[in-house]
Amino acid sequence: MLVEDSLASDHLYTRTRAIEWYPDNKGGGKTGPVGTDVVMEQWVSVARWDWRIILVHYRVTYAGTTAHANNTQELPASM
């Protein structure tokens, strides 16, 4: 899984590439995860108006070319 992260003065950022739940038919297996074309990004910051409030923003992007139907995804997902 590709993981990038950064620390800025006002937020934490994480970018991950999701892995297949069932990689066996995609060239992987128990010890060989297979990445997908789904990129999940997360920004975490403290609200400027109240330090007791934590703001979490997500963006999920599909970077592939295969057509897929929309579906729900539990978040946070393995980030």
C-alpha atoms as a PDB file:
ATOM      1  CA  MET A   1       0.000   0.000   0.000  1.00  0.00           C
ATOM      2  CA  LEU A   2       1.309   3.391  -0.936  1.00  0.00           C
ATOM      3  CA  VAL A   3       1.316   5.751   2.025  1.00  0.00           C
ATOM      4  CA  GLU A   4       2.327   9.384   1.975  1.00  0.00           C
ATOM      5  CA  ASP A   5       1.981  11.790   4.821  1.00  0.00           C
ATOM      6  CA  SER A   6       2.965  15.295   5.750  1.00  0.00           C
ATOM      7  CA  LEU A   7       2.861  17.610   8.709  1.00  0.00           C
ATOM      8  CA  ALA A   8       2.019  21.263   8.140  1.00  0.00           C
ATOM      9  CA  SER A   9       1.655  24.078  10.630  1.00  0.00           C
ATOM     10  CA  ASP A  10      -2.151  23.761  10.558  1.00  0.00           C
ATOM     11  CA  HIS A  11      -2.974  20.164   9.545  1.00  0.00           C
ATOM     12  CA  LEU A  12      -1.893  16.528   9.186  1.00  0.00           C
ATOM     13  CA  TYR A  13      -2.222  14.956   5.730  1.00  0.00           C
ATOM     14  CA  THR A  14      -2.320  11.277   4.755  1.00  0.00           C
ATOM     15  CA  ARG A  15      -2.651   9.765   1.266  1.00  0.00           C
ATOM     16  CA  THR A  16      -3.077   6.020   0.813  1.00  0.00           C
ATOM     17  CA  ARG A  17      -3.754   3.706  -2.079  1.00  0.00           C
ATOM     18  CA  ALA A  18      -6.344   1.093  -1.158  1.00  0.00           C
ATOM     19  CA  ILE A  19      -5.561  -2.614  -1.497  1.00  0.00           C
ATOM     20  CA  GLU A  20      -7.813  -5.365  -2.829  1.00  0.00           C
ATOM     21  CA  TRP A  21      -9.910  -7.260  -0.279  1.00  0.00           C
ATOM     22  CA  TYR A  22      -9.518 -10.452  -2.346  1.00  0.00           C
ATOM     23  CA  PRO A  23      -6.198 -10.228  -4.216  1.00  0.00           C
ATOM     24  CA  ASP A  24      -5.982 -13.943  -5.167  1.00  0.00           C
ATOM     25  CA  ASN A  25      -7.511 -13.494  -8.625  1.00  0.00           C
ATOM     26  CA  LYS A  26      -5.458 -10.335  -9.257  1.00  0.00           C
ATOM     27  CA  GLY A  27      -1.932 -11.714  -8.927  1.00  0.00           C
ATOM     28  CA  GLY A  28      -1.653 -11.491  -5.121  1.00  0.00           C
ATOM     29  CA  GLY A  29      -2.453 -13.561  -2.087  1.00  0.00           C
ATOM     30  CA  LYS A  30      -2.058 -13.681   1.708  1.00  0.00           C
ATOM     31  CA  THR A  31       1.441 -12.256   1.616  1.00  0.00           C
ATOM     32  CA  GLY A  32       1.122 -10.291  -1.613  1.00  0.00           C
ATOM     33  CA  PRO A  33      -1.297  -7.366  -1.411  1.00  0.00           C
ATOM     34  CA  VAL A  34      -2.462  -5.840  -4.674  1.00  0.00           C
ATOM     35  CA  GLY A  35      -3.075  -2.110  -4.896  1.00  0.00           C
ATOM     36  CA  THR A  36      -6.219  -0.672  -6.436  1.00  0.00           C
ATOM     37  CA  ASP A  37      -6.796   2.486  -8.446  1.00  0.00           C
ATOM     38  CA  VAL A  38      -8.527   4.078  -5.449  1.00  0.00           C
ATOM     39  CA  VAL A  39      -6.676   6.858  -3.635  1.00  0.00           C
ATOM     40  CA  MET A  40      -7.877   8.006  -0.210  1.00  0.00           C
ATOM     41  CA  GLU A  41      -6.723  11.311   1.254  1.00  0.00           C
ATOM     42  CA  GLN A  42      -7.318  12.650   4.746  1.00  0.00           C
ATOM     43  CA  TRP A  43      -6.717  16.061   6.312  1.00  0.00           C
ATOM     44  CA  VAL A  44      -6.928  16.474  10.099  1.00  0.00           C
ATOM     45  CA  SER A  45      -6.812  19.883  11.758  1.00  0.00           C
ATOM     46  CA  VAL A  46      -7.881  21.733  14.870  1.00  0.00           C
ATOM     47  CA  ALA A  47     -10.738  24.189  14.322  1.00  0.00           C
ATOM     48  CA  ARG A  48      -9.497  27.776  14.382  1.00  0.00           C
ATOM     49  CA  TRP A  49     -12.539  28.892  16.368  1.00  0.00           C
ATOM     50  CA  ASP A  50     -12.303  26.218  19.091  1.00  0.00           C
ATOM     51  CA  TRP A  51      -9.252  24.092  19.949  1.00  0.00           C
ATOM     52  CA  ARG A  52     -11.540  21.341  21.301  1.00  0.00           C
ATOM     53  CA  ILE A  53     -12.933  20.609  17.824  1.00  0.00           C
ATOM     54  CA  ILE A  54     -11.035  18.340  15.441  1.00  0.00           C
ATOM     55  CA  LEU A  55     -11.912  18.610  11.751  1.00  0.00           C
ATOM     56  CA  VAL A  56     -11.460  15.572   9.521  1.00  0.00           C
ATOM     57  CA  HIS A  57     -11.863  15.833   5.745  1.00  0.00           C
ATOM     58  CA  TYR A  58     -11.721  12.889   3.349  1.00  0.00           C
ATOM     59  CA  ARG A  59     -11.426  12.619  -0.401  1.00  0.00           C
ATOM     60  CA  VAL A  60     -11.707   9.308  -2.249  1.00  0.00           C
ATOM     61  CA  THR A  61     -10.630   9.333  -5.892  1.00  0.00           C
ATOM     62  CA  TYR A  62     -10.793   6.594  -8.501  1.00  0.00           C
ATOM     63  CA  ALA A  63      -7.847   6.909 -10.898  1.00  0.00           C
ATOM     64  CA  GLY A  64      -8.590   3.885 -13.080  1.00  0.00           C
ATOM     65  CA  THR A  65     -10.238   3.551 -16.456  1.00  0.00           C
ATOM     66  CA  THR A  66     -12.630   0.651 -15.790  1.00  0.00           C
ATOM     67  CA  ALA A  67     -16.258   1.700 -15.298  1.00  0.00           C
ATOM     68  CA  HIS A  68     -17.656   0.866 -11.849  1.00  0.00           C
ATOM     69  CA  ALA A  69     -20.960   1.565 -10.165  1.00  0.00           C
ATOM     70  CA  ASN A  70     -21.037   3.845  -7.133  1.00  0.00           C
ATOM     71  CA  ASN A  71     -21.064   2.084  -3.786  1.00  0.00           C
ATOM     72  CA  THR A  72     -20.772   2.980  -0.124  1.00  0.00           C
ATOM     73  CA  GLN A  73     -17.449   2.692   1.695  1.00  0.00           C
ATOM     74  CA  GLU A  74     -16.941   2.711   5.418  1.00  0.00           C
ATOM     75  CA  LEU A  75     -14.658   5.494   6.570  1.00  0.00           C
ATOM     76  CA  PRO A  76     -12.224   5.724   8.037  1.00  0.00           C
ATOM     77  CA  ALA A  77     -10.904   2.861   5.988  1.00  0.00           C
ATOM     78  CA  SER A  78      -7.395   1.517   6.605  1.00  0.00           C
ATOM     79  CA  MET A  79      -5.639   4.822   6.435  1.00  0.00           C
END
